[in-house]
């Protein structure tokens, strides 16, 4: 089944959009994990500081 140039153009745009969406999602996930780690570290530091 051959696709017309129009169909190929639309498909490439859709694929590019999907890739961009996946990259953004991955970046958000990484940012959230880093934030969670940072908060955990801060909590530990405050806890240690209060112990002293």
PDB file of N, CA and C in Angstrom:
ATOM      1  N   UNK A   1       0.858  -1.200   0.000  1.00  0.00           N
ATOM      2  CA  UNK A   1       0.000   0.000   0.000  1.00  0.00           C
ATOM      3  C   UNK A   1       0.893   1.249   0.000  1.00  0.00           C
ATOM      4  N   UNK A   2       0.790   2.009  -1.046  1.00  0.00           N
ATOM      5  CA  UNK A   2       1.610   3.230  -1.145  1.00  0.00           C
ATOM      6  C   UNK A   2       0.873   4.391  -0.509  1.00  0.00           C
ATOM      7  N   UNK A   3       1.637   5.236   0.143  1.00  0.00           N
ATOM      8  CA  UNK A   3       1.044   6.418   0.754  1.00  0.00           C
ATOM      9  C   UNK A   3       1.373   7.633  -0.098  1.00  0.00           C
ATOM     10  N   UNK A   4       0.446   8.545  -0.136  1.00  0.00           N
ATOM     11  CA  UNK A   4       0.694   9.782  -0.880  1.00  0.00           C
ATOM     12  C   UNK A   4       1.641  10.670  -0.079  1.00  0.00           C
ATOM     13  N   UNK A   5       2.210  11.647  -0.754  1.00  0.00           N
ATOM     14  CA  UNK A   5       3.126  12.576  -0.081  1.00  0.00           C
ATOM     15  C   UNK A   5       2.388  13.280   1.057  1.00  0.00           C
ATOM     16  N   UNK A   6       1.107  13.585   0.838  1.00  0.00           N
ATOM     17  CA  UNK A   6       0.296  14.254   1.862  1.00  0.00           C
ATOM     18  C   UNK A   6       0.205  13.380   3.113  1.00  0.00           C
ATOM     19  N   UNK A   7      -0.115  12.086   2.918  1.00  0.00           N
ATOM     20  CA  UNK A   7      -0.219  11.166   4.052  1.00  0.00           C
ATOM     21  C   UNK A   7       1.120  11.031   4.776  1.00  0.00           C
ATOM     22  N   UNK A   8       2.198  10.936   4.007  1.00  0.00           N
ATOM     23  CA  UNK A   8       3.528  10.809   4.607  1.00  0.00           C
ATOM     24  C   UNK A   8       3.850  12.050   5.444  1.00  0.00           C
ATOM     25  N   UNK A   9       3.487  13.220   4.931  1.00  0.00           N
ATOM     26  CA  UNK A   9       3.729  14.458   5.669  1.00  0.00           C
ATOM     27  C   UNK A   9       2.993  14.472   6.988  1.00  0.00           C
ATOM     28  N   UNK A  10       1.724  14.073   6.933  1.00  0.00           N
ATOM     29  CA  UNK A  10       0.920  14.048   8.163  1.00  0.00           C
ATOM     30  C   UNK A  10       1.500  13.035   9.141  1.00  0.00           C
ATOM     31  N   UNK A  11       1.866  11.857   8.623  1.00  0.00           N
ATOM     32  CA  UNK A  11       2.418  10.825   9.503  1.00  0.00           C
ATOM     33  C   UNK A  11       3.708  11.296  10.168  1.00  0.00           C
ATOM     34  N   UNK A  12       4.570  11.934   9.397  1.00  0.00           N
ATOM     35  CA  UNK A  12       5.841  12.387   9.985  1.00  0.00           C
ATOM     36  C   UNK A  12       5.577  13.439  11.058  1.00  0.00           C
ATOM     37  N   UNK A  13       4.594  14.309  10.819  1.00  0.00           N
ATOM     38  CA  UNK A  13       4.267  15.321  11.834  1.00  0.00           C
ATOM     39  C   UNK A  13       3.735  14.661  13.102  1.00  0.00           C
ATOM     40  N   UNK A  14       2.868  13.674  12.923  1.00  0.00           N
ATOM     41  CA  UNK A  14       2.298  12.978  14.085  1.00  0.00           C
ATOM     42  C   UNK A  14       3.403  12.273  14.867  1.00  0.00           C
ATOM     43  N   UNK A  15       4.309  11.620  14.137  1.00  0.00           N
ATOM     44  CA  UNK A  15       5.401  10.898  14.794  1.00  0.00           C
ATOM     45  C   UNK A  15       6.301  11.872  15.546  1.00  0.00           C
ATOM     46  N   UNK A  16       6.619  13.017  14.919  1.00  0.00           N
ATOM     47  CA  UNK A  16       7.452  14.019  15.592  1.00  0.00           C
ATOM     48  C   UNK A  16       6.777  14.518  16.865  1.00  0.00           C
ATOM     49  N   UNK A  17       5.470  14.750  16.771  1.00  0.00           N
ATOM     50  CA  UNK A  17       4.733  15.234  17.940  1.00  0.00           C
ATOM     51  C   UNK A  17       4.782  14.197  19.062  1.00  0.00           C
ATOM     52  N   UNK A  18       4.607  12.907  18.688  1.00  0.00           N
ATOM     53  CA  UNK A  18       4.668  11.834  19.683  1.00  0.00           C
ATOM     54  C   UNK A  18       6.029  11.810  20.363  1.00  0.00           C
ATOM     55  N   UNK A  19       7.094  11.909  19.578  1.00  0.00           N
ATOM     56  CA  UNK A  19       8.446  11.877  20.150  1.00  0.00           C
ATOM     57  C   UNK A  19       8.650  13.046  21.101  1.00  0.00           C
ATOM     58  N   UNK A  20       8.198  14.243  20.681  1.00  0.00           N
ATOM     59  CA  UNK A  20       8.339  15.423  21.530  1.00  0.00           C
ATOM     60  C   UNK A  20       7.585  15.225  22.835  1.00  0.00           C
ATOM     61  N   UNK A  21       6.363  14.670  22.738  1.00  0.00           N
ATOM     62  CA  UNK A  21       5.545  14.444  23.918  1.00  0.00           C
ATOM     63  C   UNK A  21       6.248  13.476  24.872  1.00  0.00           C
ATOM     64  N   UNK A  22       6.822  12.395  24.304  1.00  0.00           N
ATOM     65  CA  UNK A  22       7.521  11.419  25.139  1.00  0.00           C
ATOM     66  C   UNK A  22       8.729  12.054  25.823  1.00  0.00           C
ATOM     67  N   UNK A  23       9.472  12.887  25.097  1.00  0.00           N
ATOM     68  CA  UNK A  23      10.638  13.553  25.683  1.00  0.00           C
ATOM     69  C   UNK A  23      10.210  14.465  26.829  1.00  0.00           C
ATOM     70  N   UNK A  24       9.151  15.243  26.614  1.00  0.00           N
ATOM     71  CA  UNK A  24       8.672  16.148  27.661  1.00  0.00           C
ATOM     72  C   UNK A  24       8.239  15.349  28.882  1.00  0.00           C
ATOM     73  N   UNK A  25       7.542  14.228  28.636  1.00  0.00           N
ATOM     74  CA  UNK A  25       7.072  13.401  29.743  1.00  0.00           C
ATOM     75  C   UNK A  25       8.257  12.875  30.540  1.00  0.00           C
ATOM     76  N   UNK A  26       9.291  12.395  29.812  1.00  0.00           N
ATOM     77  CA  UNK A  26      10.480  11.856  30.472  1.00  0.00           C
ATOM     78  C   UNK A  26      11.168  12.946  31.297  1.00  0.00           C
ATOM     79  N   UNK A  27      11.255  14.157  30.732  1.00  0.00           N
ATOM     80  CA  UNK A  27      11.884  15.267  31.452  1.00  0.00           C
ATOM     81  C   UNK A  27      11.110  15.590  32.733  1.00  0.00           C
ATOM     82  N   UNK A  28       9.772  15.590  32.627  1.00  0.00           N
ATOM     83  CA  UNK A  28       8.953  15.874  33.811  1.00  0.00           C
ATOM     84  C   UNK A  28       9.163  14.805  34.875  1.00  0.00           C
ATOM     85  N   UNK A  29       9.233  13.541  34.444  1.00  0.00           N
ATOM     86  CA  UNK A  29       9.449  12.449  35.390  1.00  0.00           C
ATOM     87  C   UNK A  29      10.786  12.614  36.104  1.00  0.00           C
ATOM     88  N   UNK A  30      11.838  12.900  35.336  1.00  0.00           N
ATOM     89  CA  UNK A  30      13.167  13.070  35.929  1.00  0.00           C
ATOM     90  C   UNK A  30      13.164  14.239  36.915  1.00  0.00           C
ATOM     91  N   UNK A  31      12.512  15.328  36.523  1.00  0.00           N
ATOM     92  CA  UNK A  31      12.453  16.497  37.396  1.00  0.00           C
ATOM     93  C   UNK A  31      11.742  16.141  38.700  1.00  0.00           C
ATOM     94  N   UNK A  32      10.627  15.384  38.583  1.00  0.00           N
ATOM     95  CA  UNK A  32       9.865  15.009  39.779  1.00  0.00           C
ATOM     96  C   UNK A  32      10.708  14.117  40.690  1.00  0.00           C
ATOM     97  N   UNK A  33      11.443  13.167  40.078  1.00  0.00           N
ATOM     98  CA  UNK A  33      12.291  12.290  40.896  1.00  0.00           C
ATOM     99  C   UNK A  33      13.371  13.091  41.609  1.00  0.00           C
ATOM    100  N   UNK A  34      13.986  14.036  40.901  1.00  0.00           N
ATOM    101  CA  UNK A  34      15.026  14.865  41.517  1.00  0.00           C
ATOM    102  C   UNK A  34      14.436  15.685  42.663  1.00  0.00           C
ATOM    103  N   UNK A  35      13.246  16.228  42.444  1.00  0.00           N
ATOM    104  CA  UNK A  35      12.596  17.043  43.481  1.00  0.00           C
ATOM    105  C   UNK A  35      12.316  16.187  44.711  1.00  0.00           C
ATOM    106  N   UNK A  36      11.814  14.973  44.481  1.00  0.00           N
ATOM    107  CA  UNK A  36      11.519  14.081  45.610  1.00  0.00           C
ATOM    108  C   UNK A  36      12.795  13.770  46.377  1.00  0.00           C
ATOM    109  N   UNK A  37      13.880  13.476  45.637  1.00  0.00           N
ATOM    110  CA  UNK A  37      15.161  13.181  46.292  1.00  0.00           C
ATOM    111  C   UNK A  37      15.635  14.383  47.096  1.00  0.00           C
ATOM    112  N   UNK A  38      15.522  15.580  46.496  1.00  0.00           N
ATOM    113  CA  UNK A  38      15.977  16.800  47.165  1.00  0.00           C
ATOM    114  C   UNK A  38      15.193  16.998  48.469  1.00  0.00           C
ATOM    115  N   UNK A  39      13.869  16.797  48.405  1.00  0.00           N
ATOM    116  CA  UNK A  39      13.052  16.985  49.608  1.00  0.00           C
ATOM    117  C   UNK A  39      13.421  15.963  50.682  1.00  0.00           C
ATOM    118  N   UNK A  40      13.701  14.740  50.254  1.00  0.00           N
ATOM    119  CA  UNK A  40      14.073  13.695  51.209  1.00  0.00           C
ATOM    120  C   UNK A  40      15.384  14.059  51.899  1.00  0.00           C
ATOM    121  N   UNK A  41      16.329  14.554  51.122  1.00  0.00           N
ATOM    122  CA  UNK A  41      17.624  14.953  51.690  1.00  0.00           C
ATOM    123  C   UNK A  41      17.430  16.100  52.677  1.00  0.00           C
ATOM    124  N   UNK A  42      16.618  17.076  52.304  1.00  0.00           N
ATOM    125  CA  UNK A  42      16.364  18.214  53.199  1.00  0.00           C
ATOM    126  C   UNK A  42      15.726  17.732  54.497  1.00  0.00           C
ATOM    127  N   UNK A  43      14.787  16.791  54.375  1.00  0.00           N
ATOM    128  CA  UNK A  43      14.115  16.272  55.565  1.00  0.00           C
ATOM    129  C   UNK A  43      15.130  15.602  56.488  1.00  0.00           C
ATOM    130  N   UNK A  44      16.028  14.804  55.887  1.00  0.00           N
ATOM    131  CA  UNK A  44      17.051  14.130  56.691  1.00  0.00           C
ATOM    132  C   UNK A  44      17.957  15.158  57.379  1.00  0.00           C
ATOM    133  N   UNK A  45      18.359  16.195  56.644  1.00  0.00           N
ATOM    134  CA  UNK A  45      19.236  17.216  57.216  1.00  0.00           C
ATOM    135  C   UNK A  45      18.561  17.908  58.389  1.00  0.00           C
ATOM    136  N   UNK A  46      17.302  18.268  58.217  1.00  0.00           N
ATOM    137  CA  UNK A  46      16.567  18.951  59.298  1.00  0.00           C
ATOM    138  C   UNK A  46      16.443  18.018  60.485  1.00  0.00           C
ATOM    139  N   UNK A  47      16.168  16.748  60.198  1.00  0.00           N
ATOM    140  CA  UNK A  47      16.016  15.769  61.281  1.00  0.00           C
ATOM    141  C   UNK A  47      17.330  15.643  62.058  1.00  0.00           C
ATOM    142  N   UNK A  48      18.453  15.534  61.324  1.00  0.00           N
ATOM    143  CA  UNK A  48      19.767  15.426  61.971  1.00  0.00           C
ATOM    144  C   UNK A  48      20.070  16.683  62.785  1.00  0.00           C
ATOM    145  N   UNK A  49      19.735  17.830  62.197  1.00  0.00           N
ATOM    146  CA  UNK A  49      20.006  19.106  62.844  1.00  0.00           C
ATOM    147  C   UNK A  49      19.227  19.219  64.155  1.00  0.00           C
ATOM    148  N   UNK A  50      17.976  18.746  64.160  1.00  0.00           N
ATOM    149  CA  UNK A  50      17.153  18.835  65.370  1.00  0.00           C
ATOM    150  C   UNK A  50      17.638  17.885  66.454  1.00  0.00           C
ATOM    151  N   UNK A  51      18.240  16.753  66.034  1.00  0.00           N
ATOM    152  CA  UNK A  51      18.747  15.779  67.005  1.00  0.00           C
ATOM    153  C   UNK A  51      19.852  16.381  67.865  1.00  0.00           C
ATOM    154  N   UNK A  52      20.686  17.212  67.251  1.00  0.00           N
ATOM    155  CA  UNK A  52      21.879  17.733  67.938  1.00  0.00           C
ATOM    156  C   UNK A  52      21.554  18.696  69.059  1.00  0.00           C
TER     157      UNK A  52
END
